[in-house]
Amino acid sequence: MKAVTITEESEPIQLVDIDTPEVSGDECLVKISAAALNRRDQWIREGMYPGIQFGTVLGSDGCGIVEEGPSEWKGKEVIINPNVNWGDNPQAQSSDYSVLGMPTNGTLAEYIKVPSHRLHQKPSHLSMEEAAALPLAGLTAFRATIKKGGAKAGKRVLVTGAGGGVSQFAIAFGLASGAEVFVTSGSEEKIERVKEMGVKGGFNYKNEKWFKEAGQTGGFDTIVDSAGGNQLNNYLKIVKPAGKIVMYGSTTGHPEKVDVFRLFWSQAQIMGSTMGSDDEFVEMLEWVNKHQIKPTVNQVYELNDYLKAFDRFKAPDHFGKIVVRF
C-alpha cells in the first residue's frame, strides 16, 4: 500500500510503498478515505517534534471504511480516535501517552490497523473529507473550550488565532454552547469570515493596542489560546475576574515575563490543555451530532499531491483544515 512516512531524505516526508498491515483478534483494518493534516505533521516534517522515529506513517486524523475485523464493524464508515494510551485519569494523560502518526503508524496511508475500541461511527451529516478533519482538532477544542473553559450561555469567550484547525472548532463549540464568541486574528478577512459564522466581534493582533479595544467590550470569561508568548500578559488585562485562560499550544514561544500581580489580583486561572480523554472524544462527537457542527475544509488534495497539501498547510492565509483524499 502507499503511505506518507518520515524519512532522513532531503525532503523528509515521502510517499512510499509498504506492506498492508495484518489484523487479528479485536483489531480492524480500515481503508482510509480521507486524512487531515495537523500542525504536528508539519513540525515532524521540519524536524521540530520530539522523538522522531524514521519510517513512521504520519497522520493523526482519518476517516474510512472497515474492511476486516469484528463483524459488528465490517463495512461501517468510521472515524478514528487518535489517542494512544490516554490512561485512567480523566484530568491528564498517562506517562506513555501518544497520538497516532508517531510513534504508532498513522492515517496518511491507504490502510491503517487499529483496535476496534478506537473506532466511532462517522457522523452522518459529514462527508468523508469533513469527518477526517474532526478528530484531533475537534477533541482539542472541545476540551479547551467546553470542558476546561466552561463556555456556556451567558459567558463571553475569546478564541485567538481564528482560522486554524483547532480555533475553528473552538469557535463552533463556543457558539453551540450559547456563549458570546469573539476572536483575534492577524487577518481582517478571517475576522469577517468568522463573523458570518456567528462570531460577535474580532480584534487584529497586529495592532499593538488590540487588547484595549477588546477590553472595552467588557472582558472575557474564557480565553482559548494556542499562541502563548508575550500575549499572555495582554490576556491577563482582558480576562474577567476569576476568568480562565486555557492554553493548548505555544506557537510564539515562552513569555519574557508574567504579570504575576495582575494574575493573582484578578483571581484568574491559567490552565494547560491537550487533546482530551477517550470519554471526551465521545462527548465531542455527541456535540457534533446534536448541533450538526461541520468543519471548514480549506482544500482537498489527492494522495499523489501530498507535498502540495503540506505546503498549503504551512501557508499563513489558509482557513480551516487541509485534507488528503485517497
C-alpha atoms as a PDB file:
ATOM      1  CA  MET A   1       0.000   0.000   0.000  1.00  0.00           C
ATOM      2  CA  LYS A   2       1.032   3.639  -0.382  1.00  0.00           C
ATOM      3  CA  ALA A   3       1.799   5.695   2.713  1.00  0.00           C
ATOM      4  CA  VAL A   4       3.391   9.026   3.651  1.00  0.00           C
ATOM      5  CA  THR A   5       6.312   8.387   6.003  1.00  0.00           C
ATOM      6  CA  ILE A   6       9.003  10.425   7.736  1.00  0.00           C
ATOM      7  CA  THR A   7      12.470   9.755   6.336  1.00  0.00           C
ATOM      8  CA  GLU A   8      16.046  11.007   6.523  1.00  0.00           C
ATOM      9  CA  GLU A   9      15.921  12.246   2.917  1.00  0.00           C
ATOM     10  CA  SER A  10      16.428  15.882   1.941  1.00  0.00           C
ATOM     11  CA  GLU A  11      12.616  16.078   1.718  1.00  0.00           C
ATOM     12  CA  PRO A  12      11.703  14.354   4.988  1.00  0.00           C
ATOM     13  CA  ILE A  13       8.223  13.176   4.008  1.00  0.00           C
ATOM     14  CA  GLN A  14       7.987  10.634   1.222  1.00  0.00           C
ATOM     15  CA  LEU A  15       5.199   8.654  -0.434  1.00  0.00           C
ATOM     16  CA  VAL A  16       6.404   5.055  -0.308  1.00  0.00           C
ATOM     17  CA  ASP A  17       5.123   1.505  -0.742  1.00  0.00           C
ATOM     18  CA  ILE A  18       4.864  -0.519   2.469  1.00  0.00           C
ATOM     19  CA  ASP A  19       3.101  -3.730   3.451  1.00  0.00           C
ATOM     20  CA  THR A  20      -0.608  -3.591   4.210  1.00  0.00           C
ATOM     21  CA  PRO A  21      -0.984  -4.341   7.935  1.00  0.00           C
ATOM     22  CA  GLU A  22      -2.435  -7.669   9.037  1.00  0.00           C
ATOM     23  CA  VAL A  23      -5.095  -7.716  11.731  1.00  0.00           C
ATOM     24  CA  SER A  24      -6.066 -10.247  14.366  1.00  0.00           C
ATOM     25  CA  GLY A  25      -8.364 -10.514  17.373  1.00  0.00           C
ATOM     26  CA  ASP A  26     -10.135  -7.248  18.133  1.00  0.00           C
ATOM     27  CA  GLU A  27      -8.183  -5.250  15.532  1.00  0.00           C
ATOM     28  CA  CYS A  28      -9.790  -3.631  12.493  1.00  0.00           C
ATOM     29  CA  LEU A  29      -8.312  -2.868   9.091  1.00  0.00           C
ATOM     30  CA  VAL A  30      -9.658   0.474   7.937  1.00  0.00           C
ATOM     31  CA  LYS A  31      -9.402   1.530   4.309  1.00  0.00           C
ATOM     32  CA  ILE A  32      -8.745   5.258   4.614  1.00  0.00           C
ATOM     33  CA  SER A  33     -10.979   7.500   2.526  1.00  0.00           C
ATOM     34  CA  ALA A  34      -9.572  10.820   3.740  1.00  0.00           C
ATOM     35  CA  ALA A  35      -6.982  12.082   6.223  1.00  0.00           C
ATOM     36  CA  ALA A  36      -6.410  15.603   7.535  1.00  0.00           C
ATOM     37  CA  LEU A  37      -3.178  17.390   8.384  1.00  0.00           C
ATOM     38  CA  ASN A  38      -2.350  18.915  11.754  1.00  0.00           C
ATOM     39  CA  ARG A  39       0.393  21.199  12.989  1.00  0.00           C
ATOM     40  CA  ARG A  40       2.290  18.249  14.481  1.00  0.00           C
ATOM     41  CA  ASP A  41       2.634  16.711  10.991  1.00  0.00           C
ATOM     42  CA  GLN A  42       4.361  19.840   9.720  1.00  0.00           C
ATOM     43  CA  TRP A  43       6.532  20.028  12.848  1.00  0.00           C
ATOM     44  CA  ILE A  44       7.616  16.435  12.254  1.00  0.00           C
ATOM     45  CA  ARG A  45       8.418  17.321   8.651  1.00  0.00           C
ATOM     46  CA  GLU A  46      10.584  20.212   9.880  1.00  0.00           C
ATOM     47  CA  GLY A  47      12.337  18.045  12.500  1.00  0.00           C
ATOM     48  CA  MET A  48      10.875  20.144  15.319  1.00  0.00           C
ATOM     49  CA  TYR A  49       8.907  17.382  17.075  1.00  0.00           C
ATOM     50  CA  PRO A  50      10.428  15.336  19.910  1.00  0.00           C
ATOM     51  CA  GLY A  51      11.224  11.644  19.471  1.00  0.00           C
ATOM     52  CA  ILE A  52      11.037  11.424  15.694  1.00  0.00           C
ATOM     53  CA  GLN A  53      11.125   7.811  14.514  1.00  0.00           C
ATOM     54  CA  PHE A  54      12.002   7.437  10.857  1.00  0.00           C
ATOM     55  CA  GLY A  55       9.802   5.145   8.814  1.00  0.00           C
ATOM     56  CA  THR A  56       6.633   6.009  10.744  1.00  0.00           C
ATOM     57  CA  VAL A  57       3.462   6.686   8.784  1.00  0.00           C
ATOM     58  CA  LEU A  58       2.307  10.226   9.541  1.00  0.00           C
ATOM     59  CA  GLY A  59      -1.240  11.451  10.150  1.00  0.00           C
ATOM     60  CA  SER A  60      -3.471  11.591  13.225  1.00  0.00           C
ATOM     61  CA  ASP A  61      -6.854  12.272  11.626  1.00  0.00           C
ATOM     62  CA  GLY A  62      -8.648   9.788   9.417  1.00  0.00           C
ATOM     63  CA  CYS A  63     -11.981   8.550   8.162  1.00  0.00           C
ATOM     64  CA  GLY A  64     -12.655   5.361   6.227  1.00  0.00           C
ATOM     65  CA  ILE A  65     -14.461   2.060   5.897  1.00  0.00           C
ATOM     66  CA  VAL A  66     -13.713  -1.075   7.914  1.00  0.00           C
ATOM     67  CA  GLU A  67     -12.674  -3.908   5.592  1.00  0.00           C
ATOM     68  CA  GLU A  68     -11.561  -6.521   8.145  1.00  0.00           C
ATOM     69  CA  GLY A  69     -12.272  -7.068  11.813  1.00  0.00           C
ATOM     70  CA  PRO A  70     -15.127  -7.924  14.183  1.00  0.00           C
ATOM     71  CA  SER A  71     -18.412  -8.438  12.338  1.00  0.00           C
ATOM     72  CA  GLU A  72     -20.156  -5.517  14.035  1.00  0.00           C
ATOM     73  CA  TRP A  73     -17.680  -3.109  12.429  1.00  0.00           C
ATOM     74  CA  LYS A  74     -17.207  -4.562   8.936  1.00  0.00           C
ATOM     75  CA  GLY A  75     -18.453  -2.230   6.234  1.00  0.00           C
ATOM     76  CA  LYS A  76     -19.035   0.683   8.633  1.00  0.00           C
ATOM     77  CA  GLU A  77     -17.971   4.249   7.845  1.00  0.00           C
ATOM     78  CA  VAL A  78     -15.819   5.267  10.794  1.00  0.00           C
ATOM     79  CA  ILE A  79     -13.613   7.955  12.238  1.00  0.00           C
ATOM     80  CA  ILE A  80     -10.644   7.067  14.402  1.00  0.00           C
ATOM     81  CA  ASN A  81      -9.896   8.316  17.909  1.00  0.00           C
ATOM     82  CA  PRO A  82      -6.186   9.248  17.604  1.00  0.00           C
ATOM     83  CA  ASN A  83      -5.448   8.839  21.319  1.00  0.00           C
ATOM     84  CA  VAL A  84      -2.994   6.084  22.246  1.00  0.00           C
ATOM     85  CA  ASN A  85      -2.841   5.140  25.944  1.00  0.00           C
ATOM     86  CA  TRP A  86      -4.567   8.162  27.473  1.00  0.00           C
ATOM     87  CA  GLY A  87      -4.868   6.251  30.737  1.00  0.00           C
ATOM     88  CA  ASP A  88      -7.358   6.124  33.604  1.00  0.00           C
ATOM     89  CA  ASN A  89      -7.072   9.717  34.855  1.00  0.00           C
ATOM     90  CA  PRO A  90      -9.641  11.924  33.091  1.00  0.00           C
ATOM     91  CA  GLN A  91      -7.742  15.030  34.185  1.00  0.00           C
ATOM     92  CA  ALA A  92      -4.419  14.271  32.482  1.00  0.00           C
ATOM     93  CA  GLN A  93      -2.793  11.855  30.061  1.00  0.00           C
ATOM     94  CA  SER A  94      -0.607   8.954  31.191  1.00  0.00           C
ATOM     95  CA  SER A  95       3.189   8.966  31.029  1.00  0.00           C
ATOM     96  CA  ASP A  96       3.182   6.703  27.949  1.00  0.00           C
ATOM     97  CA  TYR A  97       0.513   8.671  26.086  1.00  0.00           C
ATOM     98  CA  SER A  98       0.988   9.362  22.394  1.00  0.00           C
ATOM     99  CA  VAL A  99      -1.032  10.180  19.306  1.00  0.00           C
ATOM    100  CA  LEU A 100      -1.452   8.312  16.034  1.00  0.00           C
ATOM    101  CA  GLY A 101       1.124   9.325  13.475  1.00  0.00           C
ATOM    102  CA  MET A 102       4.269   8.732  15.550  1.00  0.00           C
ATOM    103  CA  PRO A 103       5.397   6.518  17.100  1.00  0.00           C
ATOM    104  CA  THR A 104       2.308   4.493  16.089  1.00  0.00           C
ATOM    105  CA  ASN A 105       1.662   4.403  12.341  1.00  0.00           C
ATOM    106  CA  GLY A 106      -0.941   6.976  11.383  1.00  0.00           C
ATOM    107  CA  THR A 107      -3.660   7.759   8.881  1.00  0.00           C
ATOM    108  CA  LEU A 108      -1.742   9.032   5.842  1.00  0.00           C
ATOM    109  CA  ALA A 109      -1.870   5.584   4.280  1.00  0.00           C
ATOM    110  CA  GLU A 110      -4.275   3.564   2.203  1.00  0.00           C
ATOM    111  CA  TYR A 111      -4.900   1.290   5.210  1.00  0.00           C
ATOM    112  CA  ILE A 112      -4.458   1.502   8.961  1.00  0.00           C
ATOM    113  CA  LYS A 113      -4.694  -1.143  11.677  1.00  0.00           C
ATOM    114  CA  VAL A 114      -6.383  -0.039  14.898  1.00  0.00           C
ATOM    115  CA  PRO A 115      -8.118  -1.730  17.853  1.00  0.00           C
ATOM    116  CA  SER A 116     -11.881  -1.655  17.408  1.00  0.00           C
ATOM    117  CA  HIS A 117     -12.304   0.458  20.556  1.00  0.00           C
ATOM    118  CA  ARG A 118     -10.601   3.318  18.680  1.00  0.00           C
ATOM    119  CA  LEU A 119     -13.414   3.447  16.151  1.00  0.00           C
ATOM    120  CA  HIS A 120     -16.582   5.540  16.156  1.00  0.00           C
ATOM    121  CA  GLN A 121     -19.327   5.776  13.587  1.00  0.00           C
ATOM    122  CA  LYS A 122     -18.914   8.689  11.223  1.00  0.00           C
ATOM    123  CA  PRO A 123     -21.410  11.493  11.889  1.00  0.00           C
ATOM    124  CA  SER A 124     -23.993  11.069   9.150  1.00  0.00           C
ATOM    125  CA  HIS A 125     -24.178  14.789   8.301  1.00  0.00           C
ATOM    126  CA  LEU A 126     -20.464  14.930   7.453  1.00  0.00           C
ATOM    127  CA  SER A 127     -18.743  13.921   4.244  1.00  0.00           C
ATOM    128  CA  MET A 128     -15.675  11.692   4.471  1.00  0.00           C
ATOM    129  CA  GLU A 129     -13.453  14.736   3.997  1.00  0.00           C
ATOM    130  CA  GLU A 130     -15.251  16.713   6.701  1.00  0.00           C
ATOM    131  CA  ALA A 131     -15.214  13.804   9.129  1.00  0.00           C
ATOM    132  CA  ALA A 132     -11.481  13.309   8.555  1.00  0.00           C
ATOM    133  CA  ALA A 133     -10.934  16.904   9.691  1.00  0.00           C
ATOM    134  CA  LEU A 134     -12.609  16.334  13.036  1.00  0.00           C
ATOM    135  CA  PRO A 135     -10.744  14.046  15.494  1.00  0.00           C
ATOM    136  CA  LEU A 136      -7.581  15.755  16.778  1.00  0.00           C
ATOM    137  CA  ALA A 137      -8.582  19.394  16.325  1.00  0.00           C
ATOM    138  CA  GLY A 138     -12.171  18.777  17.396  1.00  0.00           C
ATOM    139  CA  LEU A 139     -11.202  16.996  20.598  1.00  0.00           C
ATOM    140  CA  THR A 140      -8.537  19.577  21.464  1.00  0.00           C
ATOM    141  CA  ALA A 141     -11.029  22.403  21.001  1.00  0.00           C
ATOM    142  CA  PHE A 142     -13.803  20.636  22.897  1.00  0.00           C
ATOM    143  CA  ARG A 143     -11.629  20.013  25.955  1.00  0.00           C
ATOM    144  CA  ALA A 144     -10.204  23.547  25.954  1.00  0.00           C
ATOM    145  CA  THR A 145     -13.431  25.419  25.247  1.00  0.00           C
ATOM    146  CA  ILE A 146     -16.152  23.350  26.921  1.00  0.00           C
ATOM    147  CA  LYS A 147     -14.597  21.031  29.494  1.00  0.00           C
ATOM    148  CA  LYS A 148     -11.866  23.343  30.818  1.00  0.00           C
ATOM    149  CA  GLY A 149     -13.054  26.722  29.580  1.00  0.00           C
ATOM    150  CA  GLY A 150     -16.630  26.267  30.748  1.00  0.00           C
ATOM    151  CA  ALA A 151     -18.199  28.001  27.751  1.00  0.00           C
ATOM    152  CA  LYS A 152     -21.976  28.237  28.083  1.00  0.00           C
ATOM    153  CA  ALA A 153     -24.857  30.644  27.670  1.00  0.00           C
ATOM    154  CA  GLY A 154     -24.186  33.927  29.446  1.00  0.00           C
ATOM    155  CA  LYS A 155     -20.404  33.608  29.145  1.00  0.00           C
ATOM    156  CA  ARG A 156     -18.066  35.529  26.850  1.00  0.00           C
ATOM    157  CA  VAL A 157     -15.328  33.581  25.072  1.00  0.00           C
ATOM    158  CA  LEU A 158     -12.283  34.851  23.161  1.00  0.00           C
ATOM    159  CA  VAL A 159     -10.682  32.421  20.708  1.00  0.00           C
ATOM    160  CA  THR A 160      -7.258  33.526  19.498  1.00  0.00           C
ATOM    161  CA  GLY A 161      -5.827  32.887  16.045  1.00  0.00           C
ATOM    162  CA  ALA A 162      -9.076  32.454  14.125  1.00  0.00           C
ATOM    163  CA  GLY A 163      -8.703  30.290  11.033  1.00  0.00           C
ATOM    164  CA  GLY A 164      -6.567  27.472  12.390  1.00  0.00           C
ATOM    165  CA  GLY A 165      -7.785  23.898  12.662  1.00  0.00           C
ATOM    166  CA  VAL A 166      -8.400  23.914  16.422  1.00  0.00           C
ATOM    167  CA  SER A 167      -9.598  27.505  16.621  1.00  0.00           C
ATOM    168  CA  GLN A 168     -12.372  26.936  14.087  1.00  0.00           C
ATOM    169  CA  PHE A 169     -13.723  24.130  16.276  1.00  0.00           C
ATOM    170  CA  ALA A 170     -13.309  26.238  19.418  1.00  0.00           C
ATOM    171  CA  ILE A 171     -15.449  28.880  17.729  1.00  0.00           C
ATOM    172  CA  ALA A 172     -18.026  26.273  16.693  1.00  0.00           C
ATOM    173  CA  PHE A 173     -18.264  24.690  20.148  1.00  0.00           C
ATOM    174  CA  GLY A 174     -18.386  28.095  21.816  1.00  0.00           C
ATOM    175  CA  LEU A 175     -21.274  29.170  19.597  1.00  0.00           C
ATOM    176  CA  ALA A 176     -23.063  25.842  20.128  1.00  0.00           C
ATOM    177  CA  SER A 177     -22.776  26.339  23.898  1.00  0.00           C
ATOM    178  CA  GLY A 178     -24.690  29.609  23.659  1.00  0.00           C
ATOM    179  CA  ALA A 179     -21.718  31.764  24.663  1.00  0.00           C
ATOM    180  CA  GLU A 180     -20.852  35.067  23.017  1.00  0.00           C
ATOM    181  CA  VAL A 181     -17.729  34.369  20.961  1.00  0.00           C
ATOM    182  CA  PHE A 182     -15.038  36.842  19.906  1.00  0.00           C
ATOM    183  CA  VAL A 183     -11.761  36.175  18.086  1.00  0.00           C
ATOM    184  CA  THR A 184      -8.328  37.550  17.369  1.00  0.00           C
ATOM    185  CA  SER A 185      -6.570  37.234  14.026  1.00  0.00           C
ATOM    186  CA  GLY A 186      -3.884  38.942  12.008  1.00  0.00           C
ATOM    187  CA  SER A 187      -6.244  38.916   9.014  1.00  0.00           C
ATOM    188  CA  GLU A 188      -9.258  41.204   8.654  1.00  0.00           C
ATOM    189  CA  GLU A 189     -10.585  38.806   6.029  1.00  0.00           C
ATOM    190  CA  LYS A 190     -10.583  35.928   8.522  1.00  0.00           C
ATOM    191  CA  ILE A 191     -12.295  38.089  11.141  1.00  0.00           C
ATOM    192  CA  GLU A 192     -15.065  38.962   8.698  1.00  0.00           C
ATOM    193  CA  ARG A 193     -15.397  35.324   7.705  1.00  0.00           C
ATOM    194  CA  VAL A 194     -15.948  34.085  11.253  1.00  0.00           C
ATOM    195  CA  LYS A 195     -18.455  36.867  11.865  1.00  0.00           C
ATOM    196  CA  GLU A 196     -20.528  35.184   9.158  1.00  0.00           C
ATOM    197  CA  MET A 197     -20.424  32.047  11.345  1.00  0.00           C
ATOM    198  CA  GLY A 198     -21.985  33.940  14.252  1.00  0.00           C
ATOM    199  CA  VAL A 199     -18.920  35.396  15.985  1.00  0.00           C
ATOM    200  CA  LYS A 200     -19.784  38.705  17.627  1.00  0.00           C
ATOM    201  CA  GLY A 201     -16.537  40.551  17.009  1.00  0.00           C
ATOM    202  CA  GLY A 202     -12.823  40.320  16.306  1.00  0.00           C
ATOM    203  CA  PHE A 203      -9.557  42.093  17.025  1.00  0.00           C
ATOM    204  CA  ASN A 204      -6.480  42.293  14.819  1.00  0.00           C
ATOM    205  CA  TYR A 205      -3.494  41.310  16.965  1.00  0.00           C
ATOM    206  CA  LYS A 206      -1.146  43.102  14.540  1.00  0.00           C
ATOM    207  CA  ASN A 207      -2.417  46.255  16.214  1.00  0.00           C
ATOM    208  CA  GLU A 208      -0.252  46.525  19.345  1.00  0.00           C
ATOM    209  CA  LYS A 209      -3.165  48.008  21.313  1.00  0.00           C
ATOM    210  CA  TRP A 210      -5.739  45.404  20.230  1.00  0.00           C
ATOM    211  CA  PHE A 211      -6.288  44.351  23.840  1.00  0.00           C
ATOM    212  CA  LYS A 212      -7.527  47.844  24.756  1.00  0.00           C
ATOM    213  CA  GLU A 213     -10.254  47.585  22.138  1.00  0.00           C
ATOM    214  CA  ALA A 214     -11.046  44.071  23.381  1.00  0.00           C
ATOM    215  CA  GLY A 215     -11.177  45.233  26.989  1.00  0.00           C
ATOM    216  CA  GLN A 216     -13.719  47.918  26.115  1.00  0.00           C
ATOM    217  CA  THR A 217     -16.196  45.182  25.182  1.00  0.00           C
ATOM    218  CA  GLY A 218     -16.403  44.090  28.819  1.00  0.00           C
ATOM    219  CA  GLY A 219     -13.732  41.395  29.032  1.00  0.00           C
ATOM    220  CA  PHE A 220     -13.950  37.621  28.728  1.00  0.00           C
ATOM    221  CA  ASP A 221     -14.841  34.748  30.992  1.00  0.00           C
ATOM    222  CA  THR A 222     -12.714  32.361  28.928  1.00  0.00           C
ATOM    223  CA  ILE A 223      -9.768  32.889  26.597  1.00  0.00           C
ATOM    224  CA  VAL A 224      -8.772  29.890  24.455  1.00  0.00           C
ATOM    225  CA  ASP A 225      -5.236  30.275  23.130  1.00  0.00           C
ATOM    226  CA  SER A 226      -2.518  28.371  21.259  1.00  0.00           C
ATOM    227  CA  ALA A 227      -0.001  31.185  20.803  1.00  0.00           C
ATOM    228  CA  GLY A 228       1.405  31.813  24.271  1.00  0.00           C
ATOM    229  CA  GLY A 229       4.368  34.164  24.234  1.00  0.00           C
ATOM    230  CA  ASN A 230       4.112  37.743  25.401  1.00  0.00           C
ATOM    231  CA  GLN A 231       0.406  37.938  24.535  1.00  0.00           C
ATOM    232  CA  LEU A 232      -0.233  36.167  27.843  1.00  0.00           C
ATOM    233  CA  ASN A 233       0.074  39.458  29.713  1.00  0.00           C
ATOM    234  CA  ASN A 234      -2.436  41.052  27.347  1.00  0.00           C
ATOM    235  CA  TYR A 235      -4.850  38.229  28.092  1.00  0.00           C
ATOM    236  CA  LEU A 236      -4.468  38.963  31.799  1.00  0.00           C
ATOM    237  CA  LYS A 237      -5.607  42.522  31.095  1.00  0.00           C
ATOM    238  CA  ILE A 238      -8.858  41.455  29.438  1.00  0.00           C
ATOM    239  CA  VAL A 239      -9.880  38.281  31.273  1.00  0.00           C
ATOM    240  CA  LYS A 240     -12.755  38.868  33.670  1.00  0.00           C
ATOM    241  CA  PRO A 241     -12.254  38.475  37.436  1.00  0.00           C
ATOM    242  CA  ALA A 242     -11.932  34.730  38.188  1.00  0.00           C
ATOM    243  CA  GLY A 243     -11.847  34.054  34.447  1.00  0.00           C
ATOM    244  CA  LYS A 244      -9.940  31.283  32.687  1.00  0.00           C
ATOM    245  CA  ILE A 245      -7.087  31.385  30.193  1.00  0.00           C
ATOM    246  CA  VAL A 246      -6.857  27.943  28.583  1.00  0.00           C
ATOM    247  CA  MET A 247      -3.655  27.298  26.645  1.00  0.00           C
ATOM    248  CA  TYR A 248      -3.303  24.332  24.304  1.00  0.00           C
ATOM    249  CA  GLY A 249      -0.140  25.463  22.489  1.00  0.00           C
ATOM    250  CA  SER A 250       2.767  27.895  22.446  1.00  0.00           C
ATOM    251  CA  THR A 251       3.454  28.710  18.805  1.00  0.00           C
ATOM    252  CA  THR A 252       5.094  32.031  19.693  1.00  0.00           C
ATOM    253  CA  GLY A 253       7.200  30.560  22.488  1.00  0.00           C
ATOM    254  CA  HIS A 254       7.542  31.489  26.149  1.00  0.00           C
ATOM    255  CA  PRO A 255       6.579  34.880  27.615  1.00  0.00           C
ATOM    256  CA  GLU A 256       9.528  37.017  28.620  1.00  0.00           C
ATOM    257  CA  LYS A 257       7.784  37.710  31.913  1.00  0.00           C
ATOM    258  CA  VAL A 258       4.390  37.177  33.517  1.00  0.00           C
ATOM    259  CA  ASP A 259       2.460  39.944  35.273  1.00  0.00           C
ATOM    260  CA  VAL A 260       2.059  37.931  38.461  1.00  0.00           C
ATOM    261  CA  PHE A 261       0.454  40.827  40.327  1.00  0.00           C
ATOM    262  CA  ARG A 262      -2.331  41.099  37.736  1.00  0.00           C
ATOM    263  CA  LEU A 263      -2.676  37.318  37.783  1.00  0.00           C
ATOM    264  CA  PHE A 264      -3.301  36.908  41.496  1.00  0.00           C
ATOM    265  CA  TRP A 265      -5.295  40.135  41.882  1.00  0.00           C
ATOM    266  CA  SER A 266      -7.690  39.110  39.104  1.00  0.00           C
ATOM    267  CA  GLN A 267      -8.178  35.641  40.632  1.00  0.00           C
ATOM    268  CA  ALA A 268      -7.699  34.347  37.075  1.00  0.00           C
ATOM    269  CA  GLN A 269      -6.743  30.773  36.234  1.00  0.00           C
ATOM    270  CA  ILE A 270      -4.141  29.893  33.609  1.00  0.00           C
ATOM    271  CA  MET A 271      -4.840  26.325  32.544  1.00  0.00           C
ATOM    272  CA  GLY A 272      -2.977  23.910  30.307  1.00  0.00           C
ATOM    273  CA  SER A 273      -4.884  21.607  27.969  1.00  0.00           C
ATOM    274  CA  THR A 274      -4.044  18.850  25.492  1.00  0.00           C
ATOM    275  CA  MET A 275      -6.137  16.821  23.102  1.00  0.00           C
ATOM    276  CA  GLY A 276      -8.512  15.130  25.547  1.00  0.00           C
ATOM    277  CA  SER A 277      -9.578  11.815  27.031  1.00  0.00           C
ATOM    278  CA  ASP A 278     -11.416   8.963  25.325  1.00  0.00           C
ATOM    279  CA  ASP A 279     -14.606   9.854  27.211  1.00  0.00           C
ATOM    280  CA  GLU A 280     -14.295  13.439  26.000  1.00  0.00           C
ATOM    281  CA  PHE A 281     -13.940  12.135  22.446  1.00  0.00           C
ATOM    282  CA  VAL A 282     -17.357  10.505  22.833  1.00  0.00           C
ATOM    283  CA  GLU A 283     -18.807  13.713  24.305  1.00  0.00           C
ATOM    284  CA  MET A 284     -17.295  15.736  21.475  1.00  0.00           C
ATOM    285  CA  LEU A 285     -18.993  13.509  18.885  1.00  0.00           C
ATOM    286  CA  GLU A 286     -22.293  13.896  20.726  1.00  0.00           C
ATOM    287  CA  TRP A 287     -21.966  17.682  20.457  1.00  0.00           C
ATOM    288  CA  VAL A 288     -21.060  17.445  16.770  1.00  0.00           C
ATOM    289  CA  ASN A 289     -24.131  15.320  16.079  1.00  0.00           C
ATOM    290  CA  LYS A 290     -26.515  17.286  18.301  1.00  0.00           C
ATOM    291  CA  HIS A 291     -25.513  20.699  16.951  1.00  0.00           C
ATOM    292  CA  GLN A 292     -24.768  19.497  13.393  1.00  0.00           C
ATOM    293  CA  ILE A 293     -21.296  21.037  13.593  1.00  0.00           C
ATOM    294  CA  LYS A 294     -19.381  20.939  10.314  1.00  0.00           C
ATOM    295  CA  PRO A 295     -15.675  21.687   9.993  1.00  0.00           C
ATOM    296  CA  THR A 296     -14.405  24.151   7.434  1.00  0.00           C
ATOM    297  CA  VAL A 297     -12.261  22.311   4.889  1.00  0.00           C
ATOM    298  CA  ASN A 298      -9.904  24.715   3.150  1.00  0.00           C
ATOM    299  CA  GLN A 299      -8.723  22.406   0.388  1.00  0.00           C
ATOM    300  CA  VAL A 300      -8.705  18.728  -0.553  1.00  0.00           C
ATOM    301  CA  TYR A 301      -5.696  17.125  -2.270  1.00  0.00           C
ATOM    302  CA  GLU A 302      -5.229  13.731  -3.848  1.00  0.00           C
ATOM    303  CA  LEU A 303      -2.653  11.440  -2.236  1.00  0.00           C
ATOM    304  CA  ASN A 304      -0.093  11.968  -5.009  1.00  0.00           C
ATOM    305  CA  ASP A 305      -0.219  15.705  -4.241  1.00  0.00           C
ATOM    306  CA  TYR A 306       0.660  15.207  -0.561  1.00  0.00           C
ATOM    307  CA  LEU A 307       3.561  17.687  -0.753  1.00  0.00           C
ATOM    308  CA  LYS A 308       1.233  20.367  -2.083  1.00  0.00           C
ATOM    309  CA  ALA A 309      -1.076  19.622   0.840  1.00  0.00           C
ATOM    310  CA  PHE A 310       1.752  20.081   3.363  1.00  0.00           C
ATOM    311  CA  ASP A 311       2.911  23.270   1.662  1.00  0.00           C
ATOM    312  CA  ARG A 312      -0.628  24.635   1.678  1.00  0.00           C
ATOM    313  CA  PHE A 313      -0.927  23.818   5.366  1.00  0.00           C
ATOM    314  CA  LYS A 314       2.075  25.949   6.291  1.00  0.00           C
ATOM    315  CA  ALA A 315       0.840  28.922   4.244  1.00  0.00           C
ATOM    316  CA  PRO A 316      -0.406  31.610   6.658  1.00  0.00           C
ATOM    317  CA  ASP A 317      -3.501  32.502   4.624  1.00  0.00           C
ATOM    318  CA  HIS A 318      -5.263  29.139   4.755  1.00  0.00           C
ATOM    319  CA  PHE A 319      -8.551  28.998   6.675  1.00  0.00           C
ATOM    320  CA  GLY A 320      -9.730  25.663   8.008  1.00  0.00           C
ATOM    321  CA  LYS A 321      -8.435  22.142   7.534  1.00  0.00           C
ATOM    322  CA  ILE A 322      -6.272  20.647   4.789  1.00  0.00           C
ATOM    323  CA  VAL A 323      -7.407  17.168   3.747  1.00  0.00           C
ATOM    324  CA  VAL A 324      -5.790  14.411   1.680  1.00  0.00           C
ATOM    325  CA  ARG A 325      -8.211  12.165  -0.206  1.00  0.00           C
ATOM    326  CA  PHE A 326      -7.437   8.517  -1.059  1.00  0.00           C
END
